[in-house]
Amino acid sequence: MKLWMSEEIQADVADRYMEVRKALEAEINRLLTGVFVEEKADEWAFIAIVLEEGGPDYREIVKRSSRGKVLEFRLKISHDAFSVASPSERMRLIFKALHRSVELMQKVGVTAETRRSLRGVLCDAQKNLGVESAWSDELGETSTETNTGKMQRQQKTAVARTGTQIIKLYKRDAEKDVFYYWEAWNSPKEVTVHWGIVGEEGSTNKLGLTPHETPFSIIEREAAPFRAKGYQELPDDKLSQVVIQYPIVEMGTPEDLDKRYEVEHLMNQRLGWTGLGHCDGGDIGSGTMNVFCFVVDTDKATQCITEELRAHDLLNGARVLLFSEEGEQQLLFPVESLEHRQ
């Protein structure tokens, strides 16, 4: 299972939320590696609603996808409390909402054993990040784990502490005008290696884990020949920000929000599997809805984005914009005709 986080948030606290969210999400996903989940759920989707009183009233939602693989929770966090909180207290407020989402999993058929395991992951993440407990004192709950259950959870999280490693390398062949990517990541039972030409899905190979090698050592071993050929990580400042934008009425509707989350999920999958980049959430309000993507090739990314949106009937009304570091915008889609420009 993987935790996927997004937010519907007031602009005045957006940056502060993102600062703590990234560290929190990375640590929880590191600990989730190796944790056994009885249900066939692949994704724990948590969308925080942090809006001022009197603003758009987005309702809280608890649901499971039609195929049962995504558990979705849209839960409120007090804007007033979050806006005046310290960084550690902001984390604590988010953890409190995440703990609440775990308890609400009972409504969508998640067993008590799985909820205990996930609660254990959250508690371990809080401890590792130096955040005071947001579970027992805030929610007024106490753990009912037996000694045997606690031992089993500790064994599972011991596996999780090996962590998840993700490496993504790139190389540009100027002579052939080709941009290559190579990436690898580990899961509880295997290492996945994925490589190809940027903009194409490429090839995938799965390597089983052995008692004699850690996932990290396998990934580094597989990466070594590519590093020797000149493949290397790209720093963040080498990525371009591309924004998918839709017009909405004022602050939008719950249906608009559903659409935004669908687009975010599609972009994470499509841009990731083609080596083009990733989606970094979105925002909504004041007449527009935006989904933010960071990519290595704007032309190929624009083509990929528009193809994916068209395939899911989401292209109507969409604009794709390139944002510079100075905040300047360039329209990538739809392309204006020469006649229109004149």
Protein backbone atom coordinates (compact mmCIF):
# COMPACT_ATOMS: atom_id res chain seq x y z
CA MET A 1 0.00 0.00 0.00
CA LYS A 2 1.11 3.54 -0.75
CA LEU A 3 -0.06 6.79 0.80
CA TRP A 4 -1.02 9.48 -1.73
CA MET A 5 -1.64 12.95 -0.32
CA SER A 6 -3.25 16.00 -1.84
CA GLU A 7 -5.10 18.98 -0.46
CA GLU A 8 -7.85 21.53 -0.92
CA ILE A 9 -6.27 24.43 0.86
CA GLN A 10 -6.47 28.18 1.41
CA ALA A 11 -3.67 30.03 -0.38
CA ASP A 12 -2.37 31.69 2.81
CA VAL A 13 -1.33 28.34 4.33
CA ALA A 14 -0.53 26.37 1.15
CA ASP A 15 3.25 26.78 1.32
CA ARG A 16 3.36 25.89 5.01
CA TYR A 17 1.28 22.78 4.37
CA MET A 18 3.52 21.63 1.51
CA GLU A 19 6.67 22.09 3.63
CA VAL A 20 5.54 19.54 6.20
CA ARG A 21 3.51 17.31 3.87
CA LYS A 22 6.50 16.25 1.76
CA ALA A 23 8.55 15.05 4.75
CA LEU A 24 5.54 13.37 6.33
CA GLU A 25 4.41 11.60 3.14
CA ALA A 26 7.93 10.34 2.37
CA GLU A 27 8.44 8.93 5.86
CA ILE A 28 5.06 7.21 6.01
CA ASN A 29 5.60 5.60 2.60
CA ARG A 30 9.04 4.47 3.69
CA LEU A 31 7.49 2.73 6.68
CA LEU A 32 4.61 1.30 4.67
CA THR A 33 7.06 -0.77 2.63
CA GLY A 34 6.81 -4.31 3.93
CA VAL A 35 3.63 -3.78 5.95
CA PHE A 36 1.10 -6.50 5.20
CA VAL A 37 -2.38 -5.31 4.24
CA GLU A 38 -5.05 -8.00 4.25
CA GLU A 39 -7.38 -6.14 1.89
CA LYS A 40 -6.56 -5.74 -1.81
CA ALA A 41 -6.06 -2.00 -1.44
CA ASP A 42 -3.10 -0.45 -3.28
CA GLU A 43 -3.58 3.20 -2.39
CA TRP A 44 -4.47 5.18 0.71
CA ALA A 45 -5.60 8.54 -0.70
CA PHE A 46 -5.75 11.34 1.86
CA ILE A 47 -6.99 14.79 0.82
CA ALA A 48 -6.80 17.46 3.51
CA ILE A 49 -9.42 20.24 3.46
CA VAL A 50 -7.87 23.34 5.07
CA LEU A 51 -10.23 26.24 4.35
CA GLU A 52 -11.40 29.29 6.26
CA GLU A 53 -14.81 29.33 7.88
CA GLY A 54 -17.32 30.92 5.56
CA GLY A 55 -15.49 29.76 2.44
CA PRO A 56 -16.46 26.88 0.13
CA ASP A 57 -17.87 24.05 2.22
CA TYR A 58 -16.29 20.96 0.72
CA ARG A 59 -17.87 17.98 2.42
CA GLU A 60 -15.86 15.25 4.07
CA ILE A 61 -15.83 12.01 2.10
CA VAL A 62 -14.97 8.43 2.97
CA LYS A 63 -15.17 5.96 0.12
CA ARG A 64 -13.61 3.00 -1.60
CA SER A 65 -13.12 2.84 -5.38
CA SER A 66 -15.37 0.58 -7.42
CA ARG A 67 -12.57 -1.97 -7.79
CA GLY A 68 -11.67 -1.68 -4.12
CA LYS A 69 -8.03 -0.74 -4.68
CA VAL A 70 -8.20 2.90 -3.55
CA LEU A 71 -9.30 4.02 -0.08
CA GLU A 72 -10.15 7.72 -0.27
CA PHE A 73 -10.54 10.16 2.63
CA ARG A 74 -11.25 13.87 2.33
CA LEU A 75 -11.05 15.23 5.85
CA LYS A 76 -11.02 18.70 7.37
CA ILE A 77 -8.17 20.31 9.31
CA SER A 78 -8.88 23.57 11.14
CA HIS A 79 -7.56 26.47 9.07
CA ASP A 80 -7.36 28.72 12.14
CA ALA A 81 -5.32 26.19 14.10
CA PHE A 82 -3.06 25.37 11.16
CA SER A 83 -2.34 29.01 10.28
CA VAL A 84 -0.85 29.82 13.72
CA ALA A 85 0.83 26.45 14.39
CA SER A 86 4.55 25.76 14.51
CA PRO A 87 5.99 23.33 11.92
CA SER A 88 5.87 20.42 14.38
CA GLU A 89 2.32 21.32 15.41
CA ARG A 90 1.27 21.45 11.75
CA MET A 91 2.59 17.92 11.34
CA ARG A 92 0.69 16.92 14.44
CA LEU A 93 -2.57 18.28 12.99
CA ILE A 94 -2.02 16.33 9.76
CA PHE A 95 -1.16 13.17 11.70
CA LYS A 96 -4.34 13.60 13.73
CA ALA A 97 -6.38 13.67 10.51
CA LEU A 98 -4.49 10.65 9.16
CA HIS A 99 -5.22 8.71 12.35
CA ARG A 100 -8.85 9.63 11.91
CA SER A 101 -8.78 8.29 8.35
CA VAL A 102 -7.46 4.97 9.64
CA GLU A 103 -10.36 4.67 12.09
CA LEU A 104 -12.83 5.57 9.33
CA MET A 105 -11.46 2.68 7.25
CA GLN A 106 -13.81 0.47 9.25
CA LYS A 107 -16.66 2.02 7.23
CA VAL A 108 -15.17 0.70 3.96
CA GLY A 109 -14.46 -2.82 5.17
CA VAL A 110 -10.88 -2.61 6.42
CA THR A 111 -10.16 -5.10 9.18
CA ALA A 112 -9.11 -4.20 12.71
CA GLU A 113 -5.72 -5.93 12.17
CA THR A 114 -4.94 -3.77 9.14
CA ARG A 115 -6.03 -0.63 10.99
CA ARG A 116 -3.73 -1.53 13.87
CA SER A 117 -0.83 -1.99 11.47
CA LEU A 118 -1.46 1.36 9.80
CA ARG A 119 -1.87 3.06 13.16
CA GLY A 120 1.50 1.59 14.12
CA VAL A 121 3.08 3.02 10.98
CA LEU A 122 1.71 6.47 11.82
CA CYS A 123 2.99 6.27 15.38
CA ASP A 124 6.45 5.22 14.17
CA ALA A 125 6.48 8.03 11.60
CA GLN A 126 5.59 10.56 14.30
CA LYS A 127 8.39 9.30 16.51
CA ASN A 128 10.93 9.39 13.67
CA LEU A 129 9.91 12.94 12.74
CA GLY A 130 9.96 14.12 16.36
CA VAL A 131 6.23 14.81 16.52
CA GLU A 132 4.31 14.39 19.76
CA SER A 133 1.62 11.73 19.63
CA ALA A 134 -1.49 12.80 17.78
CA TRP A 135 -3.31 9.57 18.58
CA SER A 136 -3.87 8.70 22.22
CA ASP A 137 -4.11 12.18 23.71
CA GLU A 138 -5.89 13.99 20.86
CA LEU A 139 -8.44 11.35 19.99
CA GLY A 140 -8.94 10.05 23.48
CA GLU A 141 -8.20 6.48 22.35
CA THR A 142 -5.95 3.83 23.82
CA SER A 143 -4.44 0.89 22.04
CA THR A 144 -6.07 -2.48 22.61
CA GLU A 145 -3.22 -4.45 21.05
CA THR A 146 -2.31 -7.67 22.76
CA ASN A 147 1.36 -8.47 23.40
CA THR A 148 1.23 -10.91 20.49
CA GLY A 149 -0.32 -8.32 18.19
CA LYS A 150 2.26 -5.74 19.23
CA MET A 151 5.09 -8.18 18.53
CA GLN A 152 3.67 -8.95 15.06
CA ARG A 153 3.37 -5.27 14.26
CA GLN A 154 6.92 -4.62 15.43
CA GLN A 155 8.17 -7.43 13.22
CA LYS A 156 6.35 -5.96 10.23
CA THR A 157 7.61 -2.42 10.83
CA ALA A 158 11.13 -3.78 11.32
CA VAL A 159 10.92 -4.91 7.71
CA ALA A 160 9.53 -1.50 6.77
CA ARG A 161 12.52 0.28 8.28
CA THR A 162 14.68 -1.06 5.48
CA GLY A 163 12.91 1.72 3.56
CA THR A 164 12.10 2.40 -0.02
CA GLN A 165 14.78 3.64 -2.36
CA ILE A 166 13.92 5.28 -5.65
CA ILE A 167 16.62 6.25 -8.13
CA LYS A 168 15.93 8.02 -11.42
CA LEU A 169 18.79 8.70 -13.83
CA TYR A 170 18.88 10.50 -17.17
CA LYS A 171 21.26 10.81 -20.10
CA ARG A 172 20.98 12.96 -23.20
CA ASP A 173 22.60 11.74 -26.42
CA ALA A 174 23.19 14.99 -28.31
CA GLU A 175 24.28 13.27 -31.52
CA LYS A 176 21.12 11.16 -31.77
CA ASP A 177 18.96 13.84 -30.12
CA VAL A 178 17.59 11.23 -27.72
CA PHE A 179 16.94 11.57 -23.98
CA TYR A 180 17.15 8.32 -22.00
CA TYR A 181 15.95 7.47 -18.50
CA TRP A 182 16.67 4.64 -16.07
CA GLU A 183 14.95 4.19 -12.72
CA ALA A 184 14.58 1.60 -10.00
CA TRP A 185 12.64 1.18 -6.78
CA ASN A 186 12.02 -1.55 -4.27
CA SER A 187 8.88 -3.11 -2.81
CA PRO A 188 8.63 -5.73 -0.04
CA LYS A 189 9.38 -8.68 -2.36
CA GLU A 190 11.30 -7.30 -5.33
CA VAL A 191 13.19 -4.52 -7.05
CA THR A 192 11.62 -3.01 -10.17
CA VAL A 193 13.89 -1.61 -12.88
CA HIS A 194 12.36 0.57 -15.59
CA TRP A 195 14.20 2.17 -18.51
CA GLY A 196 13.66 3.65 -21.95
CA ILE A 197 13.49 6.81 -24.03
CA VAL A 198 11.83 9.81 -22.41
CA GLY A 199 8.24 9.98 -23.61
CA GLU A 200 7.94 6.21 -24.06
CA GLU A 201 6.91 3.57 -21.52
CA GLY A 202 10.09 1.59 -22.11
CA SER A 203 10.93 -1.78 -20.55
CA THR A 204 10.53 -3.21 -17.07
CA ASN A 205 12.37 -5.96 -15.23
CA LYS A 206 11.59 -7.28 -11.74
CA LEU A 207 14.38 -8.73 -9.59
CA GLY A 208 13.61 -10.93 -6.61
CA LEU A 209 15.19 -10.15 -3.25
CA THR A 210 17.72 -12.54 -1.75
CA PRO A 211 18.88 -13.08 1.86
CA HIS A 212 22.37 -11.99 0.85
CA GLU A 213 21.55 -8.57 -0.62
CA THR A 214 19.59 -5.56 0.56
CA PRO A 215 17.23 -3.78 -1.84
CA PHE A 216 19.61 -0.82 -1.74
CA SER A 217 22.59 -2.91 -2.83
CA ILE A 218 20.61 -4.48 -5.68
CA ILE A 219 19.51 -1.07 -6.94
CA GLU A 220 23.04 0.32 -6.72
CA ARG A 221 24.43 -2.74 -8.48
CA GLU A 222 21.93 -2.36 -11.32
CA ALA A 223 22.52 1.40 -11.53
CA ALA A 224 26.33 1.15 -11.66
CA PRO A 225 26.73 0.36 -15.40
CA PHE A 226 24.31 3.15 -16.30
CA ARG A 227 26.15 5.65 -14.12
CA ALA A 228 29.34 4.55 -15.88
CA LYS A 229 27.68 5.43 -19.22
CA GLY A 230 26.95 8.96 -18.02
CA TYR A 231 23.44 8.59 -16.60
CA GLN A 232 22.86 10.89 -13.62
CA GLU A 233 20.18 12.37 -11.39
CA LEU A 234 18.61 15.63 -12.52
CA PRO A 235 18.45 18.42 -9.91
CA ASP A 236 15.05 20.01 -9.31
CA ASP A 237 16.08 23.24 -11.04
CA LYS A 238 16.46 21.31 -14.30
CA LEU A 239 12.76 20.38 -14.29
CA SER A 240 10.12 22.58 -15.93
CA GLN A 241 6.79 23.39 -14.28
CA VAL A 242 3.83 22.61 -16.53
CA VAL A 243 0.34 23.44 -15.28
CA ILE A 244 -2.93 21.88 -16.48
CA GLN A 245 -5.62 24.50 -16.00
CA TYR A 246 -9.43 24.40 -16.22
CA PRO A 247 -11.90 27.29 -15.92
CA ILE A 248 -14.39 26.96 -13.06
CA VAL A 249 -17.10 29.14 -11.54
CA GLU A 250 -15.75 31.05 -8.52
CA MET A 251 -14.38 28.50 -6.01
CA GLY A 252 -15.60 25.43 -7.92
CA THR A 253 -17.82 22.53 -6.93
CA PRO A 254 -17.25 19.09 -5.35
CA GLU A 255 -17.48 17.68 -8.89
CA ASP A 256 -14.64 19.98 -9.97
CA LEU A 257 -12.60 18.70 -7.04
CA ASP A 258 -13.26 15.09 -8.10
CA LYS A 259 -12.04 15.98 -11.56
CA ARG A 260 -8.86 17.56 -10.22
CA TYR A 261 -7.96 14.50 -8.16
CA GLU A 262 -8.60 12.25 -11.17
CA VAL A 263 -6.27 14.37 -13.32
CA GLU A 264 -3.58 14.39 -10.61
CA HIS A 265 -3.68 10.60 -10.36
CA LEU A 266 -3.57 10.12 -14.14
CA MET A 267 -0.62 12.48 -14.50
CA ASN A 268 1.38 10.78 -11.76
CA GLN A 269 0.93 7.45 -13.51
CA ARG A 270 1.43 8.60 -17.09
CA LEU A 271 4.33 11.00 -16.56
CA GLY A 272 6.06 8.52 -14.26
CA TRP A 273 5.85 5.51 -16.58
CA THR A 274 7.13 7.51 -19.55
CA GLY A 275 10.10 8.97 -17.66
CA LEU A 276 8.78 12.48 -18.17
CA GLY A 277 8.33 13.56 -14.56
CA HIS A 278 5.66 13.65 -11.87
CA CYS A 279 2.56 15.47 -10.61
CA ASP A 280 2.89 17.64 -7.50
CA GLY A 281 -0.73 18.24 -6.50
CA GLY A 282 -2.96 21.14 -7.45
CA ASP A 283 -5.21 23.94 -6.28
CA ILE A 284 -8.67 25.32 -6.96
CA GLY A 285 -10.41 28.67 -6.58
CA SER A 286 -10.84 32.19 -7.99
CA GLY A 287 -12.09 30.90 -11.32
CA THR A 288 -9.43 28.32 -12.14
CA MET A 289 -8.46 24.78 -11.20
CA ASN A 290 -4.79 23.83 -11.58
CA VAL A 291 -2.77 20.61 -11.58
CA PHE A 292 1.01 21.08 -11.22
CA CYS A 293 3.50 18.84 -13.04
CA PHE A 294 7.30 18.87 -13.14
CA VAL A 295 8.78 17.48 -16.34
CA VAL A 296 12.10 16.99 -18.14
CA ASP A 297 10.82 17.68 -21.67
CA THR A 298 7.98 20.17 -22.14
CA ASP A 299 7.14 19.25 -25.74
CA LYS A 300 6.85 15.53 -25.07
CA ALA A 301 5.10 16.16 -21.77
CA THR A 302 2.50 18.35 -23.46
CA GLN A 303 1.82 15.64 -26.02
CA CYS A 304 1.62 12.98 -23.31
CA ILE A 305 -0.66 15.10 -21.11
CA THR A 306 -3.11 15.97 -23.88
CA GLU A 307 -3.25 12.36 -25.11
CA GLU A 308 -4.02 11.10 -21.60
CA LEU A 309 -6.67 13.75 -20.98
CA ARG A 310 -8.29 13.03 -24.33
CA ALA A 311 -8.34 9.27 -23.62
CA HIS A 312 -10.28 9.93 -20.38
CA ASP A 313 -12.62 12.63 -21.79
CA LEU A 314 -10.90 15.32 -19.72
CA LEU A 315 -9.39 17.48 -22.46
CA ASN A 316 -12.40 19.74 -23.02
CA GLY A 317 -11.69 23.18 -21.57
CA ALA A 318 -8.14 22.30 -20.52
CA ARG A 319 -5.17 24.57 -21.06
CA VAL A 320 -1.54 23.48 -20.62
CA LEU A 321 0.82 26.23 -19.51
CA LEU A 322 4.57 26.44 -18.99
CA PHE A 323 5.60 28.55 -15.97
CA SER A 324 9.06 30.09 -15.80
CA GLU A 325 10.95 30.69 -12.55
CA GLU A 326 9.99 34.36 -12.89
CA GLY A 327 6.31 33.43 -13.00
CA GLU A 328 5.84 34.11 -16.71
CA GLN A 329 3.38 31.88 -18.56
CA GLN A 330 3.56 30.32 -22.02
CA LEU A 331 0.55 28.59 -23.53
CA LEU A 332 1.49 25.10 -24.73
CA PHE A 333 -2.03 23.83 -25.46
CA PRO A 334 -4.24 24.63 -27.26
CA VAL A 335 -1.83 26.01 -29.84
CA GLU A 336 -3.00 29.36 -31.14
CA SER A 337 -3.31 29.56 -34.92
CA LEU A 338 -1.40 32.23 -36.82
CA GLU A 339 -4.74 33.74 -37.93
CA HIS A 340 -5.87 33.98 -34.30
CA ARG A 341 -2.62 35.69 -33.25
CA GLN A 342 -3.02 38.31 -35.97
